[in-house]
Protein backbone atom coordinates (compact mmCIF):
# COMPACT_ATOMS: atom_id res chain seq x y z
CA MET A 1 -7.68 -3.60 -23.91
CA PRO A 2 -9.44 -1.41 -21.33
CA ASN A 3 -12.40 0.67 -22.47
CA PRO A 4 -10.90 4.15 -23.12
CA ILE A 5 -14.11 5.79 -21.81
CA ARG A 6 -14.61 3.74 -18.65
CA PRO A 7 -12.47 4.76 -15.63
CA HIS A 8 -9.79 2.12 -15.13
CA VAL A 9 -7.41 0.91 -12.40
CA LEU A 10 -4.48 -1.49 -12.34
CA LEU A 11 -4.84 -4.34 -9.87
CA SER A 12 -1.83 -5.27 -7.76
CA GLY A 13 -1.28 -6.90 -4.39
CA PHE A 14 1.11 -7.70 -1.57
CA ALA A 15 1.60 -11.28 -2.74
CA ASP A 16 3.51 -12.22 0.42
CA GLU A 17 0.09 -12.34 2.15
CA GLY A 18 -0.78 -15.49 0.18
CA PRO A 19 1.50 -18.50 0.67
CA VAL A 20 2.53 -19.47 4.19
CA SER A 21 6.08 -20.13 3.02
CA LYS A 22 6.44 -16.75 1.26
CA ARG A 23 8.55 -18.53 -1.36
CA ALA A 24 8.87 -16.31 -4.41
CA GLU A 25 7.63 -19.00 -6.78
CA ALA A 26 4.52 -19.56 -4.64
CA GLN A 27 3.77 -15.83 -4.50
CA LEU A 28 4.07 -15.45 -8.25
CA THR A 29 2.06 -18.62 -8.92
CA MET A 30 -0.79 -17.27 -6.78
CA THR A 31 -0.57 -13.86 -8.46
CA ARG A 32 -0.86 -15.35 -11.94
CA ALA A 33 -3.46 -17.97 -10.94
CA LEU A 34 -5.71 -15.12 -9.79
CA GLY A 35 -5.20 -13.40 -13.13
CA MET A 36 -3.05 -10.54 -11.83
CA SER A 37 0.00 -9.23 -13.65
CA TRP A 38 1.33 -6.83 -10.98
CA TYR A 39 2.41 -7.26 -7.39
CA THR A 40 4.12 -5.35 -4.60
CA VAL A 41 7.33 -6.81 -3.16
CA ARG A 42 7.64 -6.91 0.63
CA PHE A 43 8.70 -10.21 2.29
CA VAL A 44 10.08 -13.01 0.15
CA ASP A 45 11.96 -16.31 0.45
CA LEU A 46 14.36 -17.07 -2.37
CA GLY A 47 15.79 -20.19 -0.78
CA SER A 48 17.64 -18.81 2.21
CA GLY A 49 14.71 -17.95 4.47
CA VAL A 50 12.13 -15.17 4.58
CA LYS A 51 13.59 -11.69 4.21
CA ASN A 52 12.22 -8.23 3.84
CA ALA A 53 12.97 -7.24 0.26
CA MET A 54 15.24 -4.49 1.60
CA LYS A 55 17.56 -7.26 2.89
CA LEU A 56 17.98 -9.12 -0.41
CA ASP A 57 21.50 -9.33 -1.78
CA ASP A 58 22.38 -8.71 -5.42
CA ASP A 59 22.24 -12.39 -6.38
CA GLU A 60 18.79 -12.75 -4.84
CA VAL A 61 17.55 -9.65 -6.64
CA ALA A 62 18.80 -11.07 -9.94
CA GLN A 63 17.07 -14.37 -9.13
CA LEU A 64 13.81 -12.54 -8.41
CA VAL A 65 14.02 -10.52 -11.62
CA ALA A 66 14.48 -13.76 -13.59
CA LEU A 67 11.38 -15.20 -11.94
CA HIS A 68 9.41 -12.09 -12.92
CA ASP A 69 10.34 -12.73 -16.53
CA GLU A 70 9.44 -16.42 -16.25
CA PHE A 71 6.02 -15.72 -14.71
CA GLU A 72 5.39 -12.58 -16.80
CA VAL A 73 4.78 -10.50 -13.67
CA ARG A 74 5.78 -6.89 -13.01
CA VAL A 75 6.42 -5.03 -9.77
CA SER A 76 4.05 -2.17 -9.10
CA SER A 77 5.85 -0.89 -6.01
CA LEU A 78 8.49 -1.69 -3.45
CA GLY A 79 6.73 -2.17 -0.10
CA SER A 80 9.51 -0.69 1.98
CA PRO A 81 9.29 0.02 5.74
CA ILE A 82 10.99 3.42 5.34
CA GLY A 83 9.54 5.89 7.84
CA LYS A 84 8.35 3.26 10.34
CA VAL A 85 10.84 4.46 12.91
CA LYS A 86 10.74 7.04 15.67
CA LEU A 87 10.86 10.67 14.68
CA ARG A 88 12.75 11.53 17.88
CA ASP A 89 15.07 9.51 20.08
CA VAL A 90 12.92 9.42 23.21
CA ASP A 91 11.81 6.53 25.40
CA ASP A 92 8.03 6.49 25.02
CA GLY A 93 7.35 2.94 26.14
CA THR A 94 7.07 1.54 22.62
CA HIS A 95 9.37 -0.94 20.90
CA ASN A 96 9.71 1.29 17.83
CA ALA A 97 13.31 1.79 16.75
CA PHE A 98 15.01 5.13 16.29
CA VAL A 99 17.35 5.62 13.33
CA PRO A 100 19.08 8.98 12.86
CA PHE A 101 17.55 10.51 9.75
CA GLU A 102 20.90 11.16 8.07
CA GLN A 103 21.63 7.44 8.36
CA CYS A 104 18.16 6.54 7.08
CA LEU A 105 18.59 8.80 4.05
CA ARG A 106 22.13 7.63 3.31
CA THR A 107 21.51 3.90 3.72
CA ASP A 108 17.82 2.85 3.73
CA VAL A 109 16.48 5.36 1.21
CA ALA A 110 19.46 5.01 -1.10
CA HIS A 111 19.18 1.22 -0.98
CA ALA A 112 15.41 1.30 -1.61
CA ILE A 113 15.98 3.44 -4.69
CA LYS A 114 18.61 1.05 -6.01
CA LEU A 115 16.37 -1.94 -5.31
CA ALA A 116 13.28 -0.39 -6.94
CA GLN A 117 15.31 0.38 -10.05
CA ALA A 118 16.64 -3.18 -10.22
CA LEU A 119 13.09 -4.55 -9.92
CA GLY A 120 11.71 -2.16 -12.53
CA ALA A 121 9.41 -0.36 -10.08
CA ARG A 122 8.77 3.38 -10.20
CA LEU A 123 6.96 3.52 -6.86
CA ILE A 124 8.23 3.10 -3.29
CA ARG A 125 5.80 2.76 -0.38
CA GLY A 126 6.80 4.40 2.91
CA PHE A 127 5.56 6.04 6.10
CA SER A 128 5.57 9.30 8.05
CA PHE A 129 7.51 8.39 11.25
CA TYR A 130 6.32 7.70 14.78
CA PRO A 131 6.00 10.73 17.05
CA PRO A 132 6.45 10.10 20.78
CA LYS A 133 3.51 8.04 22.03
CA GLY A 134 0.82 10.29 23.47
CA ASP A 135 1.97 13.44 21.69
CA ASP A 136 -0.35 15.45 19.48
CA PRO A 137 0.83 14.47 15.97
CA TRP A 138 0.20 18.01 14.70
CA GLN A 139 3.16 19.13 16.84
CA HIS A 140 5.46 17.03 14.65
CA VAL A 141 4.21 17.81 11.14
CA GLU A 142 7.03 20.25 10.39
CA GLN A 143 9.86 17.88 11.31
CA ALA A 144 8.24 14.93 9.53
CA ALA A 145 7.61 17.05 6.43
CA ASP A 146 11.22 18.22 6.37
CA GLN A 147 12.46 14.62 6.39
CA LEU A 148 9.87 13.45 3.85
CA GLY A 149 10.86 16.28 1.55
CA GLN A 150 14.44 15.03 1.52
CA ILE A 151 13.22 11.52 0.72
CA ALA A 152 11.06 12.85 -2.11
CA GLU A 153 14.04 14.76 -3.51
CA ALA A 154 16.22 11.64 -3.45
CA CYS A 155 13.49 9.69 -5.25
CA ALA A 156 13.04 12.47 -7.79
CA ALA A 157 16.74 12.38 -8.65
CA ALA A 158 16.26 8.72 -9.59
CA GLY A 159 12.95 9.23 -11.40
CA LEU A 160 10.97 7.44 -8.69
CA TYR A 161 7.95 8.36 -6.53
CA PHE A 162 7.57 7.97 -2.78
CA GLY A 163 4.08 6.97 -1.63
CA LEU A 164 3.13 7.98 1.91
CA GLU A 165 0.69 5.49 3.44
CA VAL A 166 -1.84 6.57 6.05
CA GLU A 167 -1.47 4.42 9.16
CA ALA A 168 -2.21 4.40 12.89
CA ASN A 169 0.24 5.85 15.43
CA LEU A 170 2.34 7.67 12.80
CA VAL A 171 2.41 11.41 12.27
CA GLY A 172 0.26 10.85 9.17
CA ARG A 173 -2.46 8.79 10.80
CA ASP A 174 -5.49 10.30 9.05
CA GLY A 175 -6.41 12.27 5.94
CA PRO A 176 -6.00 15.81 7.28
CA LEU A 177 -2.54 15.01 8.68
CA LEU A 178 -1.43 13.34 5.41
CA ARG A 179 -2.76 16.36 3.49
CA ALA A 180 -0.79 18.71 5.76
CA LEU A 181 2.42 16.73 5.24
CA TRP A 182 1.91 16.67 1.46
CA GLU A 183 1.22 20.40 1.27
CA ARG A 184 4.23 21.29 3.41
CA VAL A 185 6.56 19.10 1.36
CA GLY A 186 5.18 20.46 -1.91
CA HIS A 187 7.06 18.00 -4.12
CA GLU A 188 5.42 16.08 -6.95
CA HIS A 189 7.49 12.99 -6.16
CA LEU A 190 5.68 12.62 -2.84
CA ARG A 191 2.21 11.08 -3.30
CA LEU A 192 -0.35 9.83 -0.79
CA ILE A 193 -1.61 6.25 -0.37
CA PHE A 194 -5.15 5.86 0.92
CA ASP A 195 -5.93 2.79 3.06
CA GLY A 196 -9.42 2.79 4.55
CA ALA A 197 -8.86 0.03 7.11
CA ASN A 198 -5.83 1.79 8.53
CA ILE A 199 -8.14 4.67 9.43
CA SER A 200 -11.23 2.67 10.49
CA CYS A 201 -9.25 0.57 12.96
CA GLN A 202 -8.35 3.73 14.91
CA GLY A 203 -11.99 4.28 15.92
CA TYR A 204 -13.10 6.38 12.95
CA SER A 205 -16.63 6.08 11.60
CA THR A 206 -17.43 5.38 7.95
CA ALA A 207 -18.19 9.07 7.39
CA GLU A 208 -14.87 10.07 8.95
CA VAL A 209 -12.95 7.61 6.75
CA ILE A 210 -14.62 9.08 3.67
CA GLU A 211 -13.69 12.57 4.91
CA SER A 212 -10.07 11.40 5.20
CA TYR A 213 -10.17 10.16 1.61
CA HIS A 214 -11.40 13.56 0.43
CA ALA A 215 -8.67 15.30 2.44
CA MET A 216 -6.03 13.12 0.74
CA LYS A 217 -7.59 13.34 -2.73
CA PRO A 218 -5.51 16.28 -4.08
CA GLY A 219 -2.27 14.38 -3.39
CA LEU A 220 -3.54 10.88 -4.03
CA GLY A 221 -1.13 8.57 -5.82
CA TRP A 222 -2.60 5.10 -5.39
CA LEU A 223 -4.67 3.01 -2.98
CA HIS A 224 -4.11 0.07 -0.67
CA LEU A 225 -7.17 -2.10 -0.32
CA LYS A 226 -8.22 -3.72 2.93
CA ASP A 227 -11.23 -3.13 5.13
CA TYR A 228 -12.14 -3.18 8.81
CA ARG A 229 -15.41 -4.06 10.53
CA HIS A 230 -16.27 -2.54 13.89
CA ALA A 231 -17.81 -4.73 16.59
CA ARG A 232 -21.62 -4.76 16.58
CA ASP A 233 -24.17 -4.45 19.35
CA GLU A 234 -27.20 -6.75 19.66
CA GLN A 235 -29.10 -4.67 17.11
CA GLY A 236 -26.22 -4.81 14.63
CA TRP A 237 -25.07 -1.21 15.03
CA PRO A 238 -21.31 -0.51 14.88
CA GLN A 239 -19.66 0.01 18.24
CA ILE A 240 -16.87 2.46 17.47
CA GLY A 241 -14.25 2.74 20.16
CA ALA A 242 -12.42 5.83 21.31
CA LYS A 243 -9.64 7.14 19.09
CA GLY A 244 -6.12 6.73 20.37
CA TYR A 245 -3.06 4.53 20.28
CA VAL A 246 -3.60 1.30 18.33
CA ASP A 247 -1.93 -1.99 19.23
CA GLU A 248 -1.07 -2.94 15.66
CA ASP A 249 -0.45 -6.57 16.59
CA ALA A 250 -3.96 -6.86 18.06
CA VAL A 251 -6.04 -5.63 15.10
CA HIS A 252 -7.97 -8.68 13.92
CA ASN A 253 -11.21 -7.42 12.38
CA MET A 254 -10.01 -7.07 8.80
CA VAL A 255 -12.62 -8.12 6.23
CA PRO A 256 -13.19 -8.03 2.44
CA CYS A 257 -13.97 -4.57 1.11
CA ASP A 258 -17.64 -5.31 0.42
CA VAL A 259 -18.54 -5.99 4.07
CA GLY A 260 -16.39 -3.51 5.99
CA ASP A 261 -16.94 -0.07 7.51
CA SER A 262 -14.47 1.98 5.48
CA GLY A 263 -16.99 3.29 2.97
CA HIS A 264 -15.34 1.86 -0.12
CA GLU A 265 -18.47 2.04 -2.28
CA ALA A 266 -18.77 5.80 -1.80
CA ILE A 267 -15.01 6.23 -2.17
CA PHE A 268 -14.88 4.25 -5.42
CA ARG A 269 -17.82 6.17 -6.86
CA ASP A 270 -15.90 9.37 -6.25
CA LEU A 271 -12.63 7.82 -7.43
CA ALA A 272 -14.25 7.00 -10.77
CA GLY A 273 -14.46 10.71 -11.48
CA LEU A 274 -10.84 11.31 -10.50
CA LEU A 275 -9.34 8.38 -12.39
CA PRO A 276 -9.15 9.90 -15.91
CA SER A 277 -7.07 12.88 -14.78
CA LEU A 278 -4.99 10.91 -12.26
CA THR A 279 -4.29 8.17 -14.81
CA ALA A 280 -3.18 10.79 -17.35
CA TRP A 281 -0.95 12.40 -14.69
CA TRP A 282 0.81 9.10 -14.04
CA GLN A 283 1.09 8.13 -17.69
CA GLU A 284 2.74 11.46 -18.51
CA ARG A 285 5.42 10.42 -16.01
CA GLY A 286 5.93 6.92 -17.35
CA VAL A 287 3.77 5.04 -14.82
CA PRO A 288 1.05 2.97 -16.56
CA GLY A 289 -1.87 4.04 -14.39
CA VAL A 290 -3.45 4.14 -10.94
CA PHE A 291 -2.78 1.06 -8.82
CA VAL A 292 -5.20 -0.49 -6.35
CA ASP A 293 -2.95 -2.68 -4.24
CA LEU A 294 -4.55 -5.53 -2.28
CA GLU A 295 -3.26 -5.92 1.28
CA PRO A 296 -6.17 -7.84 2.84
CA HIS A 297 -4.84 -9.03 6.27
CA LEU A 298 -7.85 -11.40 6.40
CA LYS A 299 -6.13 -13.93 8.68
CA GLY A 300 -4.07 -11.51 10.71
CA GLY A 301 -1.88 -8.45 10.51
CA GLY A 302 0.83 -6.66 12.39
CA GLN A 303 3.11 -3.68 12.35
CA PHE A 304 5.18 -4.82 9.38
CA GLY A 305 2.99 -7.25 7.45
CA GLY A 306 -0.07 -9.46 7.30
CA PHE A 307 -1.43 -12.80 6.20
CA SER A 308 -4.50 -13.84 4.21
CA GLY A 309 -3.58 -17.20 2.72
CA PRO A 310 -4.15 -17.90 -0.97
CA ASP A 311 -7.83 -18.56 -0.26
CA GLY A 312 -8.27 -15.31 1.64
CA PHE A 313 -6.38 -13.40 -1.01
CA GLY A 314 -8.74 -14.80 -3.64
CA VAL A 315 -11.79 -13.84 -1.55
CA ALA A 316 -10.42 -10.30 -1.16
CA LEU A 317 -9.77 -9.99 -4.90
CA ARG A 318 -13.28 -11.14 -5.80
CA ALA A 319 -14.77 -8.67 -3.32
CA LEU A 320 -12.70 -5.91 -4.90
CA THR A 321 -13.61 -6.77 -8.49
CA ASN A 322 -17.29 -7.06 -7.54
CA LEU A 323 -17.18 -3.61 -5.98
CA LEU A 324 -15.31 -2.15 -8.95
CA ASP A 325 -17.93 -3.61 -11.28
CA TYR A 326 -20.71 -2.17 -9.10
CA THR A 327 -19.18 1.31 -9.09
CA GLY A 328 -18.34 1.34 -12.80
CA ILE A 329 -14.55 1.12 -12.62
CA GLY A 330 -12.71 -1.10 -15.08
CA TYR A 331 -9.71 -3.36 -14.42
CA ASP A 332 -7.66 -6.06 -16.14
CA LEU A 333 -7.36 -9.72 -15.22
CA THR A 334 -5.87 -12.45 -17.41
CA LYS A 335 -8.57 -13.93 -19.64
CA LEU A 336 -8.82 -17.12 -21.68
CA ARG A 337 -7.63 -15.39 -24.83
CA ASP A 338 -4.49 -14.28 -23.00
CA LEU A 339 -3.79 -17.86 -21.93
CA THR A 340 -4.26 -19.02 -25.51
CA LYS A 341 -1.65 -16.52 -26.67
CA LEU A 342 0.70 -17.72 -23.92
CA GLN A 343 0.26 -21.38 -24.90
CA ALA A 344 1.06 -20.51 -28.52
CA ARG A 345 4.49 -19.30 -27.42
CA LEU A 346 5.34 -22.42 -25.42
């Protein structure tokens, strides 16, 4: 049992980043072999090829649920791509799709809610829409907030929570913009997901990433964990590029969280003070605690996913647990006594 005095997080991860095949059994085997009991569902192969979880049919969902029982694994969140579409139907030179919002709400959001419920997840990850490339994102906060508010209301009706992830090129691309969206929506079923690497890779310094964390802190729901390392000059100083549009398929400098430039040590030290109240907030709503969700991208990443391999995923997890230990935050991994209990049941 976790120490009731020590701040505590729940470790989860995008297990599809591990095995090359993305077979469900391989993802769950890796998850359990690393000692983790939670994972986020995104891409999965249940025998008929790799699919985004949003594309699974009812039989495949039932098959996945049965595997969760077999492996004793639970789903922390549904890693949906909701909100990774254009906010407006304009040709801006990108390959981003436009989906009319009424259609998105009626089909994609409704399906994500049904899928999360079937998988036993209370949390759905999503995004804040792409404004036209080159536009000032602040010009689009009102429209994005209006649409996000409707998503939050749909989730609330089902007892679920929509997590808005900070990410490059979207309306919500940094902490102040995410904070503005959250405040304008003003709905408790919309929470914010901090991801330091998604800010660093846009040309933000360590100090600026930490400032983004503090901006998001009042609406924080949970965290995604990956890190980014800026190029260095001959003296070893970070060479931070100009802020602007990010080619998401060309971001290759993802690293474990103990060697990156996203300021995770300072962020975790501050998070330790927030965890008791945030954990209580979630537990009052039937969610077991605050998730830190590994999404390492150590061997590559793109607009809709990433890859670390089982070795890279293990490296990322050890870096995370080392940093949590160093900053005084507790966590649970399967221990020998837990395996002994499991063997007794077999």
